[in-house]
Amino acid sequence: MLWAYFRLIAGLATDIGSSVSHGVVIASEYGLPALVNTGNGTSSIRSSDRIRLDANQGYIKILESAGEILESAGDAD
């Protein structure tokens, strides 16, 4: 059922896996970048964080945390 989420995401990052893992194969079919075997790289990412995933360079960077996004949305009022 993982494939259903691939319509909602812009990339895939997993803590375990390899270049032939199921998620990577499906991401490739959808034309999405995938970063695998990050160890514990996804543990610091929270739902609604804005991140940059660079599969070519092999990194994930949190651009804006979910808390910062909510605060800036409140400033717009």
N, C-alpha and C. Protein backbone atom coordinates (compact mmCIF):
# COMPACT_ATOMS: atom_id res chain seq x y z
N MET A 1 0.80 -1.19 0.00
CA MET A 1 0.00 0.00 0.00
C MET A 1 0.85 1.26 0.00
N LEU A 2 2.17 1.11 0.11
CA LEU A 2 3.08 2.25 0.10
C LEU A 2 2.93 3.08 -1.17
N TRP A 3 2.65 2.44 -2.28
CA TRP A 3 2.57 3.14 -3.56
C TRP A 3 1.54 4.26 -3.55
N ALA A 4 0.50 4.17 -2.74
CA ALA A 4 -0.54 5.20 -2.71
C ALA A 4 0.02 6.55 -2.25
N TYR A 5 1.04 6.54 -1.42
CA TYR A 5 1.65 7.78 -0.92
C TYR A 5 2.54 8.46 -1.95
N PHE A 6 2.98 7.74 -2.94
CA PHE A 6 3.89 8.31 -3.92
C PHE A 6 3.25 9.40 -4.77
N ARG A 7 1.95 9.48 -4.76
CA ARG A 7 1.27 10.58 -5.46
C ARG A 7 1.30 11.86 -4.65
N LEU A 8 1.65 11.77 -3.37
CA LEU A 8 1.62 12.91 -2.46
C LEU A 8 2.99 13.48 -2.13
N ILE A 9 4.06 12.78 -2.47
CA ILE A 9 5.40 13.19 -2.03
C ILE A 9 6.24 13.69 -3.21
N ALA A 10 7.30 14.41 -2.86
CA ALA A 10 8.22 14.91 -3.89
C ALA A 10 9.55 14.17 -3.87
N GLY A 11 9.74 13.28 -2.89
CA GLY A 11 10.96 12.51 -2.78
C GLY A 11 10.82 11.50 -1.65
N LEU A 12 11.78 10.59 -1.53
CA LEU A 12 11.73 9.53 -0.53
C LEU A 12 13.06 9.43 0.20
N ALA A 13 12.99 9.35 1.53
CA ALA A 13 14.17 9.12 2.36
C ALA A 13 13.84 8.01 3.35
N THR A 14 14.73 7.03 3.47
CA THR A 14 14.53 5.95 4.42
C THR A 14 15.80 5.71 5.22
N ASP A 15 15.64 5.21 6.43
CA ASP A 15 16.78 4.96 7.30
C ASP A 15 17.51 3.66 6.94
N ILE A 16 16.80 2.73 6.33
CA ILE A 16 17.42 1.46 5.93
C ILE A 16 17.09 1.20 4.47
N GLY A 17 17.85 0.34 3.84
CA GLY A 17 17.55 -0.04 2.47
C GLY A 17 18.77 0.02 1.58
N SER A 18 18.52 -0.23 0.32
CA SER A 18 19.58 -0.22 -0.69
C SER A 18 19.01 0.31 -1.99
N SER A 19 19.85 0.36 -3.00
CA SER A 19 19.41 0.90 -4.28
C SER A 19 18.37 0.03 -4.98
N VAL A 20 18.17 -1.18 -4.49
CA VAL A 20 17.15 -2.06 -5.08
C VAL A 20 15.99 -2.31 -4.12
N SER A 21 15.87 -1.49 -3.08
CA SER A 21 14.74 -1.62 -2.14
C SER A 21 13.44 -1.28 -2.85
N HIS A 22 12.35 -1.84 -2.35
CA HIS A 22 11.04 -1.64 -2.97
C HIS A 22 10.71 -0.16 -3.12
N GLY A 23 10.92 0.61 -2.06
CA GLY A 23 10.60 2.04 -2.11
C GLY A 23 11.38 2.78 -3.18
N VAL A 24 12.65 2.44 -3.34
CA VAL A 24 13.50 3.08 -4.34
C VAL A 24 13.03 2.73 -5.75
N VAL A 25 12.68 1.49 -5.96
CA VAL A 25 12.20 1.06 -7.27
C VAL A 25 10.91 1.80 -7.63
N ILE A 26 9.98 1.88 -6.68
CA ILE A 26 8.71 2.57 -6.93
C ILE A 26 8.96 4.07 -7.12
N ALA A 27 9.83 4.68 -6.30
CA ALA A 27 10.16 6.10 -6.46
C ALA A 27 10.71 6.35 -7.87
N SER A 28 11.55 5.47 -8.33
CA SER A 28 12.11 5.60 -9.67
C SER A 28 11.01 5.56 -10.72
N GLU A 29 10.05 4.67 -10.55
CA GLU A 29 8.95 4.57 -11.50
C GLU A 29 8.12 5.86 -11.54
N TYR A 30 8.04 6.57 -10.40
CA TYR A 30 7.30 7.82 -10.33
C TYR A 30 8.19 9.03 -10.64
N GLY A 31 9.47 8.82 -10.93
CA GLY A 31 10.38 9.90 -11.24
C GLY A 31 10.77 10.73 -10.03
N LEU A 32 10.75 10.12 -8.84
CA LEU A 32 11.06 10.82 -7.60
C LEU A 32 12.48 10.50 -7.13
N PRO A 33 13.17 11.49 -6.55
CA PRO A 33 14.48 11.20 -5.97
C PRO A 33 14.33 10.35 -4.72
N ALA A 34 15.31 9.51 -4.45
CA ALA A 34 15.27 8.65 -3.27
C ALA A 34 16.64 8.62 -2.60
N LEU A 35 16.63 8.73 -1.29
CA LEU A 35 17.84 8.65 -0.48
C LEU A 35 17.62 7.54 0.54
N VAL A 36 18.45 6.51 0.50
CA VAL A 36 18.26 5.35 1.37
C VAL A 36 19.46 5.14 2.27
N ASN A 37 19.22 4.34 3.32
CA ASN A 37 20.25 3.94 4.26
C ASN A 37 20.87 5.15 4.97
N THR A 38 19.99 6.06 5.47
CA THR A 38 20.47 7.26 6.16
C THR A 38 20.82 6.97 7.61
N GLY A 39 20.66 5.75 8.06
CA GLY A 39 20.94 5.41 9.46
C GLY A 39 19.78 5.87 10.33
N ASN A 40 19.91 7.06 10.89
CA ASN A 40 18.80 7.64 11.66
C ASN A 40 18.46 9.03 11.12
N GLY A 41 18.73 9.27 9.87
CA GLY A 41 18.55 10.58 9.25
C GLY A 41 17.13 11.11 9.27
N THR A 42 16.16 10.23 9.26
CA THR A 42 14.77 10.71 9.24
C THR A 42 14.21 10.98 10.63
N SER A 43 14.95 10.63 11.67
CA SER A 43 14.41 10.77 13.04
C SER A 43 14.23 12.23 13.45
N SER A 44 14.97 13.15 12.84
CA SER A 44 14.83 14.56 13.21
C SER A 44 13.81 15.30 12.36
N ILE A 45 13.23 14.64 11.37
CA ILE A 45 12.23 15.27 10.52
C ILE A 45 10.85 15.04 11.10
N ARG A 46 10.08 16.12 11.23
CA ARG A 46 8.71 16.02 11.72
C ARG A 46 7.73 16.28 10.58
N SER A 47 6.52 15.81 10.76
CA SER A 47 5.47 16.05 9.78
C SER A 47 5.32 17.56 9.58
N SER A 48 5.19 18.00 8.37
CA SER A 48 5.03 19.40 7.95
C SER A 48 6.33 20.20 7.92
N ASP A 49 7.49 19.59 8.25
CA ASP A 49 8.76 20.28 8.06
C ASP A 49 8.99 20.48 6.56
N ARG A 50 9.56 21.61 6.19
CA ARG A 50 10.00 21.82 4.81
C ARG A 50 11.44 21.37 4.75
N ILE A 51 11.73 20.44 3.84
CA ILE A 51 13.08 19.89 3.74
C ILE A 51 13.59 19.95 2.31
N ARG A 52 14.89 19.86 2.18
CA ARG A 52 15.52 19.68 0.87
C ARG A 52 16.16 18.31 0.89
N LEU A 53 15.80 17.49 -0.06
CA LEU A 53 16.38 16.17 -0.21
C LEU A 53 17.20 16.19 -1.49
N ASP A 54 18.48 16.00 -1.38
CA ASP A 54 19.36 15.96 -2.55
C ASP A 54 19.91 14.54 -2.67
N ALA A 55 19.28 13.76 -3.50
CA ALA A 55 19.70 12.37 -3.66
C ALA A 55 21.04 12.26 -4.39
N ASN A 56 21.37 13.24 -5.23
CA ASN A 56 22.65 13.20 -5.94
C ASN A 56 23.82 13.42 -4.99
N GLN A 57 23.68 14.38 -4.07
CA GLN A 57 24.73 14.67 -3.10
C GLN A 57 24.61 13.82 -1.83
N GLY A 58 23.44 13.23 -1.60
CA GLY A 58 23.24 12.34 -0.47
C GLY A 58 22.98 13.04 0.85
N TYR A 59 22.11 14.06 0.85
CA TYR A 59 21.80 14.72 2.11
C TYR A 59 20.35 15.17 2.19
N ILE A 60 19.92 15.36 3.43
CA ILE A 60 18.60 15.93 3.74
C ILE A 60 18.86 17.14 4.62
N LYS A 61 18.24 18.27 4.31
CA LYS A 61 18.40 19.48 5.10
C LYS A 61 17.02 20.01 5.48
N ILE A 62 16.82 20.29 6.77
CA ILE A 62 15.55 20.89 7.20
C ILE A 62 15.64 22.38 6.91
N LEU A 63 14.79 22.87 6.02
CA LEU A 63 14.78 24.28 5.64
C LEU A 63 13.97 25.12 6.62
N GLU A 64 12.87 24.55 7.08
CA GLU A 64 11.98 25.25 8.01
C GLU A 64 11.23 24.20 8.81
N SER A 65 11.30 24.31 10.14
CA SER A 65 10.61 23.31 10.96
C SER A 65 9.12 23.61 11.00
N ALA A 66 8.35 22.61 11.34
CA ALA A 66 6.89 22.76 11.37
C ALA A 66 6.48 23.89 12.30
N GLY A 67 7.15 24.06 13.44
CA GLY A 67 6.84 25.13 14.38
C GLY A 67 7.07 26.50 13.77
N GLU A 68 8.16 26.67 13.02
CA GLU A 68 8.45 27.95 12.37
C GLU A 68 7.40 28.26 11.30
N ILE A 69 6.95 27.23 10.60
CA ILE A 69 5.94 27.43 9.57
C ILE A 69 4.64 27.93 10.19
N LEU A 70 4.25 27.32 11.31
CA LEU A 70 3.02 27.74 11.99
C LEU A 70 3.13 29.18 12.52
N GLU A 71 4.30 29.52 13.06
CA GLU A 71 4.51 30.88 13.58
C GLU A 71 4.43 31.91 12.46
N SER A 72 5.06 31.63 11.33
CA SER A 72 5.02 32.60 10.23
C SER A 72 3.63 32.71 9.64
N ALA A 73 2.85 31.64 9.66
CA ALA A 73 1.48 31.71 9.18
C ALA A 73 0.64 32.59 10.09
N GLY A 74 0.91 32.55 11.39
CA GLY A 74 0.19 33.38 12.35
C GLY A 74 0.54 34.85 12.19
N ASP A 75 1.76 35.16 11.74
CA ASP A 75 2.18 36.55 11.52
C ASP A 75 1.45 37.18 10.35
N ALA A 76 0.96 36.37 9.43
CA ALA A 76 0.29 36.90 8.25
C ALA A 76 -1.08 37.48 8.55
N ASP A 77 -1.63 37.14 9.72
CA ASP A 77 -2.97 37.64 10.06
C ASP A 77 -2.98 39.10 10.39
